[in-house]
Amino acid sequence: MVSFDNLPNSVLIVIEIITLEGWTDIMYAVRQANGGSQVYDAFFIVLVTFGAFFVLNLVTASQFSIWQF
């Protein structure tokens, strides 16, 4: 179920998008529910680009640097 109505559900969906697990299905569901605006597509593309390629790598690098001590 895709819903940005409450904070816990929204955070769970954003984490799912950042981990790249089925983010296209969520994007298509949001597009279908909101009339197919390209603003939503831009949101998902920016979230995947920034989240998956920057934040996820940053978290992984920080975990490895902590475990080296």
PDB file of N, CA and C in Angstrom:
ATOM      1  N   MET A   1       0.838  -1.179   0.000  1.00  0.00           N
ATOM      2  CA  MET A   1       0.000   0.000   0.000  1.00  0.00           C
ATOM      3  C   MET A   1       0.876   1.233   0.000  1.00  0.00           C
ATOM      4  N   VAL A   2       0.634   2.118  -0.937  1.00  0.00           N
ATOM      5  CA  VAL A   2       1.414   3.338  -1.060  1.00  0.00           C
ATOM      6  C   VAL A   2       0.583   4.494  -0.527  1.00  0.00           C
ATOM      7  N   SER A   3       1.091   5.129   0.528  1.00  0.00           N
ATOM      8  CA  SER A   3       0.377   6.260   1.106  1.00  0.00           C
ATOM      9  C   SER A   3       1.369   7.174   1.801  1.00  0.00           C
ATOM     10  N   PHE A   4       1.298   8.441   1.488  1.00  0.00           N
ATOM     11  CA  PHE A   4       2.115   9.442   2.154  1.00  0.00           C
ATOM     12  C   PHE A   4       1.258  10.232   3.146  1.00  0.00           C
ATOM     13  N   ASP A   5       0.196   9.619   3.688  1.00  0.00           N
ATOM     14  CA  ASP A   5      -0.735  10.309   4.566  1.00  0.00           C
ATOM     15  C   ASP A   5      -0.211  10.501   5.974  1.00  0.00           C
ATOM     16  N   ASN A   6       0.624   9.588   6.461  1.00  0.00           N
ATOM     17  CA  ASN A   6       1.170   9.760   7.805  1.00  0.00           C
ATOM     18  C   ASN A   6       2.688   9.584   7.770  1.00  0.00           C
ATOM     19  N   LEU A   7       3.332  10.056   8.812  1.00  0.00           N
ATOM     20  CA  LEU A   7       4.797  10.095   8.837  1.00  0.00           C
ATOM     21  C   LEU A   7       5.450   8.712   8.839  1.00  0.00           C
ATOM     22  N   PRO A   8       5.025   7.759   9.671  1.00  0.00           N
ATOM     23  CA  PRO A   8       5.711   6.454   9.648  1.00  0.00           C
ATOM     24  C   PRO A   8       5.606   5.746   8.295  1.00  0.00           C
ATOM     25  N   ASN A   9       4.458   5.820   7.682  1.00  0.00           N
ATOM     26  CA  ASN A   9       4.284   5.190   6.373  1.00  0.00           C
ATOM     27  C   ASN A   9       5.126   5.899   5.309  1.00  0.00           C
ATOM     28  N   SER A  10       5.212   7.205   5.398  1.00  0.00           N
ATOM     29  CA  SER A  10       6.013   7.969   4.445  1.00  0.00           C
ATOM     30  C   SER A  10       7.493   7.647   4.571  1.00  0.00           C
ATOM     31  N   VAL A  11       7.974   7.553   5.794  1.00  0.00           N
ATOM     32  CA  VAL A  11       9.386   7.224   6.018  1.00  0.00           C
ATOM     33  C   VAL A  11       9.690   5.829   5.497  1.00  0.00           C
ATOM     34  N   LEU A  12       8.789   4.892   5.725  1.00  0.00           N
ATOM     35  CA  LEU A  12       8.985   3.531   5.231  1.00  0.00           C
ATOM     36  C   LEU A  12       9.048   3.498   3.709  1.00  0.00           C
ATOM     37  N   ILE A  13       8.200   4.255   3.050  1.00  0.00           N
ATOM     38  CA  ILE A  13       8.202   4.298   1.592  1.00  0.00           C
ATOM     39  C   ILE A  13       9.474   4.947   1.065  1.00  0.00           C
ATOM     40  N   VAL A  14       9.919   6.026   1.715  1.00  0.00           N
ATOM     41  CA  VAL A  14      11.152   6.685   1.274  1.00  0.00           C
ATOM     42  C   VAL A  14      12.349   5.761   1.454  1.00  0.00           C
ATOM     43  N   ILE A  15      12.394   5.020   2.555  1.00  0.00           N
ATOM     44  CA  ILE A  15      13.486   4.057   2.753  1.00  0.00           C
ATOM     45  C   ILE A  15      13.434   2.968   1.689  1.00  0.00           C
ATOM     46  N   GLU A  16      12.240   2.535   1.356  1.00  0.00           N
ATOM     47  CA  GLU A  16      12.103   1.525   0.306  1.00  0.00           C
ATOM     48  C   GLU A  16      12.581   2.059  -1.044  1.00  0.00           C
ATOM     49  N   ILE A  17      12.311   3.316  -1.331  1.00  0.00           N
ATOM     50  CA  ILE A  17      12.762   3.923  -2.582  1.00  0.00           C
ATOM     51  C   ILE A  17      14.283   4.064  -2.585  1.00  0.00           C
ATOM     52  N   ILE A  18      14.856   4.493  -1.463  1.00  0.00           N
ATOM     53  CA  ILE A  18      16.309   4.688  -1.383  1.00  0.00           C
ATOM     54  C   ILE A  18      17.050   3.361  -1.563  1.00  0.00           C
ATOM     55  N   THR A  19      16.479   2.272  -1.064  1.00  0.00           N
ATOM     56  CA  THR A  19      17.137   0.980  -1.214  1.00  0.00           C
ATOM     57  C   THR A  19      16.892   0.352  -2.586  1.00  0.00           C
ATOM     58  N   LEU A  20      16.140   1.019  -3.429  1.00  0.00           N
ATOM     59  CA  LEU A  20      15.864   0.617  -4.807  1.00  0.00           C
ATOM     60  C   LEU A  20      15.058  -0.676  -4.901  1.00  0.00           C
ATOM     61  N   GLU A  21      14.278  -0.990  -3.890  1.00  0.00           N
ATOM     62  CA  GLU A  21      13.433  -2.182  -3.897  1.00  0.00           C
ATOM     63  C   GLU A  21      12.047  -1.825  -4.414  1.00  0.00           C
ATOM     64  N   GLY A  22      11.827  -1.995  -5.683  1.00  0.00           N
ATOM     65  CA  GLY A  22      10.504  -1.772  -6.255  1.00  0.00           C
ATOM     66  C   GLY A  22      10.078  -0.319  -6.315  1.00  0.00           C
ATOM     67  N   TRP A  23      11.027   0.591  -6.469  1.00  0.00           N
ATOM     68  CA  TRP A  23      10.677   2.004  -6.470  1.00  0.00           C
ATOM     69  C   TRP A  23       9.879   2.384  -7.704  1.00  0.00           C
ATOM     70  N   THR A  24      10.054   1.667  -8.792  1.00  0.00           N
ATOM     71  CA  THR A  24       9.279   1.991  -9.990  1.00  0.00           C
ATOM     72  C   THR A  24       7.806   1.662  -9.808  1.00  0.00           C
ATOM     73  N   ASP A  25       7.503   0.585  -9.083  1.00  0.00           N
ATOM     74  CA  ASP A  25       6.107   0.258  -8.808  1.00  0.00           C
ATOM     75  C   ASP A  25       5.443   1.349  -7.974  1.00  0.00           C
ATOM     76  N   ILE A  26       6.185   1.879  -7.001  1.00  0.00           N
ATOM     77  CA  ILE A  26       5.650   2.959  -6.169  1.00  0.00           C
ATOM     78  C   ILE A  26       5.463   4.218  -7.011  1.00  0.00           C
ATOM     79  N   MET A  27       6.417   4.509  -7.886  1.00  0.00           N
ATOM     80  CA  MET A  27       6.314   5.682  -8.745  1.00  0.00           C
ATOM     81  C   MET A  27       5.093   5.581  -9.661  1.00  0.00           C
ATOM     82  N   TYR A  28       4.871   4.413 -10.238  1.00  0.00           N
ATOM     83  CA  TYR A  28       3.715   4.244 -11.120  1.00  0.00           C
ATOM     84  C   TYR A  28       2.403   4.333 -10.348  1.00  0.00           C
ATOM     85  N   ALA A  29       2.369   3.840  -9.107  1.00  0.00           N
ATOM     86  CA  ALA A  29       1.155   3.937  -8.293  1.00  0.00           C
ATOM     87  C   ALA A  29       0.854   5.384  -7.939  1.00  0.00           C
ATOM     88  N   VAL A  30       1.882   6.158  -7.600  1.00  0.00           N
ATOM     89  CA  VAL A  30       1.685   7.576  -7.293  1.00  0.00           C
ATOM     90  C   VAL A  30       1.285   8.332  -8.551  1.00  0.00           C
ATOM     91  N   ARG A  31       1.887   8.007  -9.673  1.00  0.00           N
ATOM     92  CA  ARG A  31       1.535   8.652 -10.934  1.00  0.00           C
ATOM     93  C   ARG A  31       0.084   8.372 -11.308  1.00  0.00           C
ATOM     94  N   GLN A  32      -0.353   7.150 -11.142  1.00  0.00           N
ATOM     95  CA  GLN A  32      -1.724   6.788 -11.490  1.00  0.00           C
ATOM     96  C   GLN A  32      -2.735   7.451 -10.547  1.00  0.00           C
ATOM     97  N   ALA A  33      -2.397   7.578  -9.284  1.00  0.00           N
ATOM     98  CA  ALA A  33      -3.319   8.173  -8.321  1.00  0.00           C
ATOM     99  C   ALA A  33      -3.421   9.688  -8.467  1.00  0.00           C
ATOM    100  N   ASN A  34      -2.375  10.321  -8.968  1.00  0.00           N
ATOM    101  CA  ASN A  34      -2.352  11.782  -9.016  1.00  0.00           C
ATOM    102  C   ASN A  34      -2.437  12.353 -10.421  1.00  0.00           C
ATOM    103  N   GLY A  35      -2.837  11.603 -11.372  1.00  0.00           N
ATOM    104  CA  GLY A  35      -3.067  12.131 -12.701  1.00  0.00           C
ATOM    105  C   GLY A  35      -1.868  12.166 -13.620  1.00  0.00           C
ATOM    106  N   GLY A  36      -0.771  11.556 -13.263  1.00  0.00           N
ATOM    107  CA  GLY A  36       0.365  11.418 -14.169  1.00  0.00           C
ATOM    108  C   GLY A  36       1.211  12.657 -14.349  1.00  0.00           C
ATOM    109  N   SER A  37       1.329  13.476 -13.328  1.00  0.00           N
ATOM    110  CA  SER A  37       2.153  14.678 -13.432  1.00  0.00           C
ATOM    111  C   SER A  37       3.636  14.308 -13.443  1.00  0.00           C
ATOM    112  N   GLN A  38       4.406  15.050 -14.206  1.00  0.00           N
ATOM    113  CA  GLN A  38       5.840  14.782 -14.291  1.00  0.00           C
ATOM    114  C   GLN A  38       6.599  15.331 -13.097  1.00  0.00           C
ATOM    115  N   VAL A  39       5.931  16.117 -12.261  1.00  0.00           N
ATOM    116  CA  VAL A  39       6.566  16.600 -11.035  1.00  0.00           C
ATOM    117  C   VAL A  39       6.850  15.427 -10.101  1.00  0.00           C
ATOM    118  N   TYR A  40       5.934  14.478 -10.037  1.00  0.00           N
ATOM    119  CA  TYR A  40       6.131  13.297  -9.204  1.00  0.00           C
ATOM    120  C   TYR A  40       7.271  12.440  -9.735  1.00  0.00           C
ATOM    121  N   ASP A  41       7.370  12.334 -11.035  1.00  0.00           N
ATOM    122  CA  ASP A  41       8.482  11.584 -11.631  1.00  0.00           C
ATOM    123  C   ASP A  41       9.813  12.228 -11.265  1.00  0.00           C
ATOM    124  N   ALA A  42       9.872  13.545 -11.308  1.00  0.00           N
ATOM    125  CA  ALA A  42      11.103  14.260 -10.952  1.00  0.00           C
ATOM    126  C   ALA A  42      11.454  14.024  -9.486  1.00  0.00           C
ATOM    127  N   PHE A  43      10.443  14.003  -8.606  1.00  0.00           N
ATOM    128  CA  PHE A  43      10.683  13.731  -7.190  1.00  0.00           C
ATOM    129  C   PHE A  43      11.323  12.360  -7.006  1.00  0.00           C
ATOM    130  N   PHE A  44      10.790  11.358  -7.671  1.00  0.00           N
ATOM    131  CA  PHE A  44      11.319  10.008  -7.515  1.00  0.00           C
ATOM    132  C   PHE A  44      12.717   9.890  -8.101  1.00  0.00           C
ATOM    133  N   ILE A  45      12.975  10.514  -9.210  1.00  0.00           N
ATOM    134  CA  ILE A  45      14.298  10.440  -9.828  1.00  0.00           C
ATOM    135  C   ILE A  45      15.344  11.143  -8.964  1.00  0.00           C
ATOM    136  N   VAL A  46      14.991  12.294  -8.410  1.00  0.00           N
ATOM    137  CA  VAL A  46      15.913  12.999  -7.520  1.00  0.00           C
ATOM    138  C   VAL A  46      16.140  12.197  -6.247  1.00  0.00           C
ATOM    139  N   LEU A  47      15.077  11.601  -5.700  1.00  0.00           N
ATOM    140  CA  LEU A  47      15.216  10.793  -4.492  1.00  0.00           C
ATOM    141  C   LEU A  47      16.102   9.577  -4.732  1.00  0.00           C
ATOM    142  N   VAL A  48      15.933   8.914  -5.854  1.00  0.00           N
ATOM    143  CA  VAL A  48      16.776   7.752  -6.168  1.00  0.00           C
ATOM    144  C   VAL A  48      18.214   8.194  -6.394  1.00  0.00           C
ATOM    145  N   THR A  49      18.406   9.255  -7.124  1.00  0.00           N
ATOM    146  CA  THR A  49      19.765   9.724  -7.412  1.00  0.00           C
ATOM    147  C   THR A  49      20.477  10.163  -6.142  1.00  0.00           C
ATOM    148  N   PHE A  50      19.827  11.008  -5.361  1.00  0.00           N
ATOM    149  CA  PHE A  50      20.464  11.497  -4.144  1.00  0.00           C
ATOM    150  C   PHE A  50      20.508  10.423  -3.067  1.00  0.00           C
ATOM    151  N   GLY A  51      19.409   9.744  -2.872  1.00  0.00           N
ATOM    152  CA  GLY A  51      19.324   8.778  -1.780  1.00  0.00           C
ATOM    153  C   GLY A  51      20.149   7.538  -2.006  1.00  0.00           C
ATOM    154  N   ALA A  52      19.952   6.899  -3.120  1.00  0.00           N
ATOM    155  CA  ALA A  52      20.598   5.612  -3.343  1.00  0.00           C
ATOM    156  C   ALA A  52      22.091   5.754  -3.606  1.00  0.00           C
ATOM    157  N   PHE A  53      22.480   6.757  -4.336  1.00  0.00           N
ATOM    158  CA  PHE A  53      23.881   6.845  -4.729  1.00  0.00           C
ATOM    159  C   PHE A  53      24.724   7.686  -3.788  1.00  0.00           C
ATOM    160  N   PHE A  54      24.099   8.466  -2.932  1.00  0.00           N
ATOM    161  CA  PHE A  54      24.878   9.304  -2.027  1.00  0.00           C
ATOM    162  C   PHE A  54      24.684   8.891  -0.572  1.00  0.00           C
ATOM    163  N   VAL A  55      23.471   8.932  -0.092  1.00  0.00           N
ATOM    164  CA  VAL A  55      23.209   8.656   1.319  1.00  0.00           C
ATOM    165  C   VAL A  55      23.491   7.200   1.661  1.00  0.00           C
ATOM    166  N   LEU A  56      23.063   6.281   0.828  1.00  0.00           N
ATOM    167  CA  LEU A  56      23.288   4.867   1.123  1.00  0.00           C
ATOM    168  C   LEU A  56      24.780   4.536   1.140  1.00  0.00           C
ATOM    169  N   ASN A  57      25.549   5.095   0.233  1.00  0.00           N
ATOM    170  CA  ASN A  57      26.995   4.877   0.236  1.00  0.00           C
ATOM    171  C   ASN A  57      27.656   5.554   1.432  1.00  0.00           C
ATOM    172  N   LEU A  58      27.130   6.701   1.840  1.00  0.00           N
ATOM    173  CA  LEU A  58      27.672   7.394   3.001  1.00  0.00           C
ATOM    174  C   LEU A  58      27.429   6.590   4.275  1.00  0.00           C
ATOM    175  N   VAL A  59      26.251   6.033   4.422  1.00  0.00           N
ATOM    176  CA  VAL A  59      25.945   5.202   5.592  1.00  0.00           C
ATOM    177  C   VAL A  59      26.810   3.953   5.601  1.00  0.00           C
ATOM    178  N   THR A  60      26.968   3.324   4.472  1.00  0.00           N
ATOM    179  CA  THR A  60      27.793   2.119   4.383  1.00  0.00           C
ATOM    180  C   THR A  60      29.245   2.434   4.732  1.00  0.00           C
ATOM    181  N   ALA A  61      29.767   3.529   4.229  1.00  0.00           N
ATOM    182  CA  ALA A  61      31.152   3.902   4.527  1.00  0.00           C
ATOM    183  C   ALA A  61      31.335   4.231   6.000  1.00  0.00           C
ATOM    184  N   SER A  62      30.362   4.870   6.606  1.00  0.00           N
ATOM    185  CA  SER A  62      30.502   5.194   8.023  1.00  0.00           C
ATOM    186  C   SER A  62      30.426   3.936   8.883  1.00  0.00           C
ATOM    187  N   GLN A  63      29.633   2.958   8.490  1.00  0.00           N
ATOM    188  CA  GLN A  63      29.583   1.715   9.253  1.00  0.00           C
ATOM    189  C   GLN A  63      30.900   0.957   9.158  1.00  0.00           C
ATOM    190  N   PHE A  64      31.519   0.927   8.002  1.00  0.00           N
ATOM    191  CA  PHE A  64      32.790   0.244   7.861  1.00  0.00           C
ATOM    192  C   PHE A  64      33.905   0.972   8.608  1.00  0.00           C
ATOM    193  N   SER A  65      33.839   2.301   8.650  1.00  0.00           N
ATOM    194  CA  SER A  65      34.878   3.037   9.373  1.00  0.00           C
ATOM    195  C   SER A  65      34.754   2.858  10.885  1.00  0.00           C
ATOM    196  N   ILE A  66      33.546   2.671  11.388  1.00  0.00           N
ATOM    197  CA  ILE A  66      33.376   2.429  12.816  1.00  0.00           C
ATOM    198  C   ILE A  66      33.859   1.033  13.182  1.00  0.00           C
ATOM    199  N   TRP A  67      33.636   0.041  12.343  1.00  0.00           N
ATOM    200  CA  TRP A  67      34.000  -1.328  12.643  1.00  0.00           C
ATOM    201  C   TRP A  67      35.507  -1.579  12.548  1.00  0.00           C
ATOM    202  N   GLN A  68      36.258  -0.666  11.980  1.00  0.00           N
ATOM    203  CA  GLN A  68      37.694  -0.882  11.842  1.00  0.00           C
ATOM    204  C   GLN A  68      38.442  -0.688  13.159  1.00  0.00           C
ATOM    205  N   PHE A  69      37.841  -0.028  14.107  1.00  0.00           N
ATOM    206  CA  PHE A  69      38.538   0.215  15.376  1.00  0.00           C
ATOM    207  C   PHE A  69      38.542  -1.004  16.171  1.00  0.00           C
TER     208      PHE A  69
END
